[in-house]
Amino acid sequence: MPSTQTLYRASMLPSNDIGNVSAETQWPDGRGKLLILPLASNNSLANKSFRIRTYGRCATTTNTTFAINFYFGLSPVLANNTLIFLSGAQVVNALSSNFLIWVDLTWDSTSQVINGTGQGQIANNIVGPSTLQNTVTADPNRDSNTFLQSGATYGFTLTGQFGGSSAGNHAFMDDFSLELI
């Protein structure tokens, strides 16, 4: 359940199963399209700190690892997005478990840079804390400054990847949301 401070939540959750993927794969939403968390550029997040939060479930029937990466961008072509946080490969040997990862970000209108840190857990393995892999330059007032219709013009996507192939590999995203902190 989203908190009272939740501003945006990805639609079509819970997601579809990411499946038995041993290559980095963008997460599908509940209808099989790209799972996207919108980020407004209508001045509402200028000079604010916020958290991108995701949690879900994973299961394997063999000894393997699982990794989740956060990207800034809305493109279905992964290379067109910017990697901002990675969990690293976490051990999920023949188990059914869950994960929770959050990335705390600050976006200011002077530098127009998004900076932050991330942390969490995958199958009770500690992820982070660590800084972002890449900072992002984006105008938090883009819509307001150009008199475009305000709304979600930026966004985030996620990828998942198992360390090995097995028909028993499954992962679902139950929440992908943006909260004020």
Protein backbone atom coordinates (compact mmCIF):
# COMPACT_ATOMS: atom_id res chain seq x y z
CA MET A 1 0.00 0.00 0.00
CA PRO A 2 1.47 3.38 -0.93
CA SER A 3 2.17 5.86 1.87
CA THR A 4 0.45 9.24 2.11
CA GLN A 5 3.64 10.72 0.66
CA THR A 6 3.53 8.59 -2.49
CA LEU A 7 3.37 10.90 -5.50
CA TYR A 8 3.62 8.43 -8.36
CA ARG A 9 3.25 4.70 -8.75
CA ALA A 10 3.93 2.61 -11.82
CA SER A 11 0.72 1.37 -13.37
CA MET A 12 -0.24 -2.23 -14.10
CA LEU A 13 1.21 -3.76 -10.94
CA PRO A 14 1.92 -6.40 -9.91
CA SER A 15 4.13 -6.98 -12.91
CA ASN A 16 4.26 -9.98 -15.16
CA ASP A 17 6.93 -12.55 -14.37
CA ILE A 18 10.26 -11.37 -15.73
CA GLY A 19 10.87 -15.05 -16.42
CA ASN A 20 13.99 -17.07 -16.87
CA VAL A 21 16.27 -14.24 -18.02
CA SER A 22 20.04 -14.67 -17.89
CA ALA A 23 20.66 -11.41 -19.78
CA GLU A 24 19.71 -7.99 -18.42
CA THR A 25 16.03 -7.52 -19.33
CA GLN A 26 13.66 -4.60 -18.80
CA TRP A 27 10.81 -5.43 -16.46
CA PRO A 28 7.34 -5.92 -17.97
CA ASP A 29 4.25 -4.42 -16.36
CA GLY A 30 1.10 -6.45 -15.70
CA ARG A 31 0.17 -6.29 -19.40
CA GLY A 32 3.59 -7.18 -20.75
CA LYS A 33 4.59 -3.63 -21.72
CA LEU A 34 7.56 -1.73 -20.27
CA LEU A 35 7.17 -1.04 -16.54
CA ILE A 36 7.62 2.73 -16.11
CA LEU A 37 7.64 5.00 -13.06
CA PRO A 38 6.86 8.57 -14.20
CA LEU A 39 8.86 11.59 -12.98
CA ALA A 40 7.14 14.92 -13.51
CA SER A 41 9.05 17.90 -14.89
CA ASN A 42 6.41 20.48 -13.95
CA ASN A 43 8.45 22.03 -11.10
CA SER A 44 6.77 19.85 -8.46
CA LEU A 45 10.03 18.07 -7.57
CA ALA A 46 12.46 20.98 -8.01
CA ASN A 47 14.73 21.32 -4.96
CA LYS A 48 13.22 18.26 -3.28
CA SER A 49 14.42 14.89 -2.07
CA PHE A 50 12.44 11.81 -3.00
CA ARG A 51 12.68 8.04 -2.86
CA ILE A 52 12.17 5.50 -5.62
CA ARG A 53 11.03 2.34 -3.90
CA THR A 54 10.55 -1.11 -5.33
CA TYR A 55 9.73 -4.46 -3.84
CA GLY A 56 8.72 -7.84 -5.12
CA ARG A 57 9.31 -11.58 -5.09
CA CYS A 58 11.82 -13.95 -6.65
CA ALA A 59 12.16 -17.71 -6.75
CA THR A 60 14.72 -20.15 -8.10
CA THR A 61 15.08 -23.93 -8.13
CA THR A 62 18.86 -23.95 -8.67
CA ASN A 63 21.89 -22.21 -7.21
CA THR A 64 22.11 -18.83 -8.91
CA THR A 65 22.14 -15.07 -8.37
CA PHE A 66 19.70 -12.27 -9.09
CA ALA A 67 20.31 -8.58 -9.82
CA ILE A 68 18.07 -5.52 -10.23
CA ASN A 69 19.16 -2.29 -11.94
CA PHE A 70 17.50 1.13 -11.93
CA TYR A 71 17.56 3.29 -15.07
CA PHE A 72 16.63 6.91 -15.75
CA GLY A 73 14.77 6.97 -19.06
CA LEU A 74 11.62 5.72 -20.73
CA SER A 75 13.07 4.00 -23.77
CA PRO A 76 12.35 0.35 -24.47
CA VAL A 77 15.92 0.30 -25.88
CA LEU A 78 17.98 -0.16 -22.72
CA ALA A 79 21.10 1.52 -24.17
CA ASN A 80 19.11 4.77 -24.55
CA ASN A 81 18.53 4.98 -20.77
CA THR A 82 21.05 5.91 -18.05
CA LEU A 83 22.01 3.36 -15.37
CA ILE A 84 21.67 5.03 -11.98
CA PHE A 85 21.77 2.18 -9.42
CA LEU A 86 22.59 -1.50 -9.44
CA SER A 87 22.08 -4.11 -6.78
CA GLY A 88 24.92 -6.35 -7.88
CA ALA A 89 24.40 -10.09 -8.21
CA GLN A 90 22.88 -11.42 -4.97
CA VAL A 91 22.77 -15.12 -4.06
CA VAL A 92 19.29 -16.65 -4.38
CA ASN A 93 20.20 -20.33 -4.23
CA ALA A 94 17.13 -22.59 -4.65
CA LEU A 95 14.72 -20.48 -2.65
CA SER A 96 11.60 -18.39 -2.72
CA SER A 97 12.09 -14.94 -1.19
CA ASN A 98 11.52 -11.22 -1.64
CA PHE A 99 13.41 -8.01 -2.29
CA LEU A 100 13.16 -4.36 -1.31
CA ILE A 101 15.39 -1.68 -2.81
CA TRP A 102 15.14 2.08 -2.52
CA VAL A 103 17.08 4.91 -4.12
CA ASP A 104 17.05 8.31 -2.39
CA LEU A 105 17.45 11.16 -4.87
CA THR A 106 17.80 14.94 -4.74
CA TRP A 107 16.95 17.09 -7.75
CA ASP A 108 17.76 20.78 -7.72
CA SER A 109 16.77 23.46 -10.19
CA THR A 110 20.15 25.26 -10.09
CA SER A 111 22.44 22.45 -11.26
CA GLN A 112 19.56 20.39 -12.76
CA VAL A 113 21.43 17.29 -11.56
CA ILE A 114 19.89 14.26 -9.86
CA ASN A 115 22.21 12.78 -7.21
CA GLY A 116 21.63 10.16 -4.57
CA THR A 117 22.27 6.83 -2.89
CA GLY A 118 20.61 3.42 -2.86
CA GLN A 119 20.31 0.35 -0.67
CA GLY A 120 18.07 -2.55 0.26
CA GLN A 121 17.98 -6.33 0.27
CA ILE A 122 17.47 -9.24 -2.12
CA ALA A 123 16.68 -12.56 -0.40
CA ASN A 124 17.99 -11.07 2.86
CA ASN A 125 21.35 -10.19 1.25
CA ILE A 126 22.30 -6.57 1.90
CA VAL A 127 22.42 -4.30 -1.16
CA GLY A 128 24.49 -1.11 -0.78
CA PRO A 129 24.45 1.48 0.49
CA SER A 130 26.22 3.09 -2.41
CA THR A 131 26.08 6.23 -4.50
CA LEU A 132 24.58 6.38 -7.97
CA GLN A 133 26.43 4.76 -10.86
CA ASN A 134 25.73 7.84 -12.98
CA THR A 135 24.25 11.21 -12.15
CA VAL A 136 21.57 12.55 -14.45
CA THR A 137 21.13 16.08 -15.76
CA ALA A 138 17.47 16.93 -16.32
CA ASP A 139 15.48 20.14 -15.99
CA PRO A 140 12.89 19.78 -13.18
CA ASN A 141 11.04 22.77 -14.69
CA ARG A 142 11.08 21.64 -18.32
CA ASP A 143 7.31 21.80 -18.78
CA SER A 144 6.91 25.01 -16.77
CA ASN A 145 9.77 26.76 -18.58
CA THR A 146 8.53 25.95 -22.07
CA PHE A 147 4.80 26.22 -21.33
CA LEU A 148 4.20 22.64 -22.36
CA GLN A 149 1.44 20.65 -20.79
CA SER A 150 2.69 19.54 -17.39
CA GLY A 151 2.96 15.87 -16.68
CA ALA A 152 5.32 12.95 -16.64
CA THR A 153 8.02 13.68 -19.18
CA TYR A 154 10.80 11.75 -17.48
CA GLY A 155 10.77 8.37 -15.84
CA PHE A 156 12.51 5.33 -14.47
CA THR A 157 12.64 1.71 -15.59
CA LEU A 158 14.01 -1.45 -13.98
CA THR A 159 15.87 -4.49 -15.23
CA GLY A 160 16.31 -7.93 -13.75
CA GLN A 161 18.77 -10.71 -14.46
CA PHE A 162 19.40 -14.19 -13.08
CA GLY A 163 22.95 -15.53 -12.98
CA GLY A 164 22.00 -18.73 -14.78
CA SER A 165 19.19 -20.21 -16.80
CA SER A 166 16.59 -22.44 -15.16
CA ALA A 167 12.90 -23.00 -15.83
CA GLY A 168 12.36 -22.42 -12.09
CA ASN A 169 13.56 -18.78 -12.19
CA HIS A 170 10.73 -16.31 -11.53
CA ALA A 171 10.52 -12.70 -10.33
CA PHE A 172 7.60 -10.32 -9.91
CA MET A 173 7.54 -6.60 -9.08
CA ASP A 174 4.78 -5.73 -6.59
CA ASP A 175 5.51 -2.02 -6.20
CA PHE A 176 7.51 0.65 -8.01
CA SER A 177 6.75 4.07 -6.55
CA LEU A 178 8.08 7.57 -5.89
CA GLU A 179 7.68 9.06 -2.40
CA LEU A 180 8.67 12.39 -0.89
CA ILE A 181 11.21 12.07 1.91
